[in-house]
Amino acid sequence: MTIEEKVKQTLAEEKEREKNPNFQNLRDFYETMKKEGLVIKQEYTLPPVDTIGRSLHQESLKPSSRSEQ
């Protein structure tokens, strides 16, 4: 399936979803909670995946704390 076909399929599914009364109620509820200030964007304290490798690599470059024998 090409990207164009995937986009068309997704847009068609979105139109069908908007016709669903349960989806409309849920969207209205979300918008109401957002206006009331009860919707909070989730913030994560984990570093992005690519920085984990970078930090481990930096650790491997540091001289070891073990005494030389």
C-alpha atoms as a PDB file:
ATOM      1  CA  MET A   1       0.000   0.000   0.000  1.00  0.00           C
ATOM      2  CA  THR A   2       1.419   3.383  -0.962  1.00  0.00           C
ATOM      3  CA  ILE A   3       1.565   6.373   1.334  1.00  0.00           C
ATOM      4  CA  GLU A   4      -1.145   8.080  -0.711  1.00  0.00           C
ATOM      5  CA  GLU A   5      -3.481   5.103  -0.256  1.00  0.00           C
ATOM      6  CA  LYS A   6      -2.759   5.002   3.494  1.00  0.00           C
ATOM      7  CA  VAL A   7      -3.577   8.716   3.817  1.00  0.00           C
ATOM      8  CA  LYS A   8      -6.816   8.299   1.876  1.00  0.00           C
ATOM      9  CA  GLN A   9      -7.791   5.312   4.007  1.00  0.00           C
ATOM     10  CA  THR A  10      -7.037   7.206   7.217  1.00  0.00           C
ATOM     11  CA  LEU A  11      -9.064  10.214   6.096  1.00  0.00           C
ATOM     12  CA  ALA A  12     -12.002   7.964   5.194  1.00  0.00           C
ATOM     13  CA  GLU A  13     -11.830   6.280   8.613  1.00  0.00           C
ATOM     14  CA  GLU A  14     -11.714   9.678  10.300  1.00  0.00           C
ATOM     15  CA  LYS A  15     -14.894  10.786   8.485  1.00  0.00           C
ATOM     16  CA  GLU A  16     -16.647   7.589   9.591  1.00  0.00           C
ATOM     17  CA  ARG A  17     -15.459   8.088  13.164  1.00  0.00           C
ATOM     18  CA  GLU A  18     -16.857  11.626  13.286  1.00  0.00           C
ATOM     19  CA  LYS A  19     -20.320  10.292  12.441  1.00  0.00           C
ATOM     20  CA  ASN A  20     -20.254   8.032  15.507  1.00  0.00           C
ATOM     21  CA  PRO A  21     -22.314   9.647  18.326  1.00  0.00           C
ATOM     22  CA  ASN A  22     -20.091   8.072  21.013  1.00  0.00           C
ATOM     23  CA  PHE A  23     -17.041   9.675  19.432  1.00  0.00           C
ATOM     24  CA  GLN A  24     -18.808  13.032  19.254  1.00  0.00           C
ATOM     25  CA  ASN A  25     -19.767  12.811  22.938  1.00  0.00           C
ATOM     26  CA  LEU A  26     -16.222  11.877  23.892  1.00  0.00           C
ATOM     27  CA  ARG A  27     -14.778  14.749  21.838  1.00  0.00           C
ATOM     28  CA  ASP A  28     -17.253  17.200  23.427  1.00  0.00           C
ATOM     29  CA  PHE A  29     -16.347  15.908  26.888  1.00  0.00           C
ATOM     30  CA  TYR A  30     -12.637  16.333  26.139  1.00  0.00           C
ATOM     31  CA  GLU A  31     -13.161  19.890  24.867  1.00  0.00           C
ATOM     32  CA  THR A  32     -15.193  20.762  27.986  1.00  0.00           C
ATOM     33  CA  MET A  33     -12.487  19.405  30.282  1.00  0.00           C
ATOM     34  CA  LYS A  34      -9.860  21.287  28.273  1.00  0.00           C
ATOM     35  CA  LYS A  35     -11.769  24.569  28.731  1.00  0.00           C
ATOM     36  CA  GLU A  36     -12.038  23.885  32.478  1.00  0.00           C
ATOM     37  CA  GLY A  37      -8.265  23.442  32.662  1.00  0.00           C
ATOM     38  CA  LEU A  38      -8.467  19.786  33.644  1.00  0.00           C
ATOM     39  CA  VAL A  39      -6.589  18.457  30.632  1.00  0.00           C
ATOM     40  CA  ILE A  40      -2.896  18.357  31.401  1.00  0.00           C
ATOM     41  CA  LYS A  41      -0.288  17.395  28.836  1.00  0.00           C
ATOM     42  CA  GLN A  42       1.657  14.385  30.092  1.00  0.00           C
ATOM     43  CA  GLU A  43       5.301  15.256  30.599  1.00  0.00           C
ATOM     44  CA  TYR A  44       7.889  12.528  30.729  1.00  0.00           C
ATOM     45  CA  THR A  45      11.170  12.676  32.597  1.00  0.00           C
ATOM     46  CA  LEU A  46      12.807   9.989  30.507  1.00  0.00           C
ATOM     47  CA  PRO A  47      15.441  11.192  28.068  1.00  0.00           C
ATOM     48  CA  PRO A  48      14.831  10.621  24.363  1.00  0.00           C
ATOM     49  CA  VAL A  49      15.969   7.224  23.130  1.00  0.00           C
ATOM     50  CA  ASP A  50      18.994   8.511  21.208  1.00  0.00           C
ATOM     51  CA  THR A  51      20.445  10.280  24.260  1.00  0.00           C
ATOM     52  CA  ILE A  52      20.550   7.049  26.255  1.00  0.00           C
ATOM     53  CA  GLY A  53      23.177   5.664  23.911  1.00  0.00           C
ATOM     54  CA  ARG A  54      25.015   8.949  23.986  1.00  0.00           C
ATOM     55  CA  SER A  55      25.129   9.028  27.791  1.00  0.00           C
ATOM     56  CA  LEU A  56      26.271   5.398  27.989  1.00  0.00           C
ATOM     57  CA  HIS A  57      28.948   6.138  25.429  1.00  0.00           C
ATOM     58  CA  GLN A  58      30.106   9.138  27.469  1.00  0.00           C
ATOM     59  CA  GLU A  59      30.286   6.919  30.576  1.00  0.00           C
ATOM     60  CA  SER A  60      32.477   4.443  28.702  1.00  0.00           C
ATOM     61  CA  LEU A  61      34.887   7.242  27.756  1.00  0.00           C
ATOM     62  CA  LYS A  62      35.425   8.356  31.357  1.00  0.00           C
ATOM     63  CA  PRO A  63      38.434   6.881  33.136  1.00  0.00           C
ATOM     64  CA  SER A  64      37.391   4.054  35.406  1.00  0.00           C
ATOM     65  CA  SER A  65      37.243   4.677  39.126  1.00  0.00           C
ATOM     66  CA  ARG A  66      38.952   1.346  39.808  1.00  0.00           C
ATOM     67  CA  SER A  67      42.527   1.528  40.937  1.00  0.00           C
ATOM     68  CA  GLU A  68      45.074   0.284  38.419  1.00  0.00           C
ATOM     69  CA  GLN A  69      46.715  -3.001  39.383  1.00  0.00           C
END
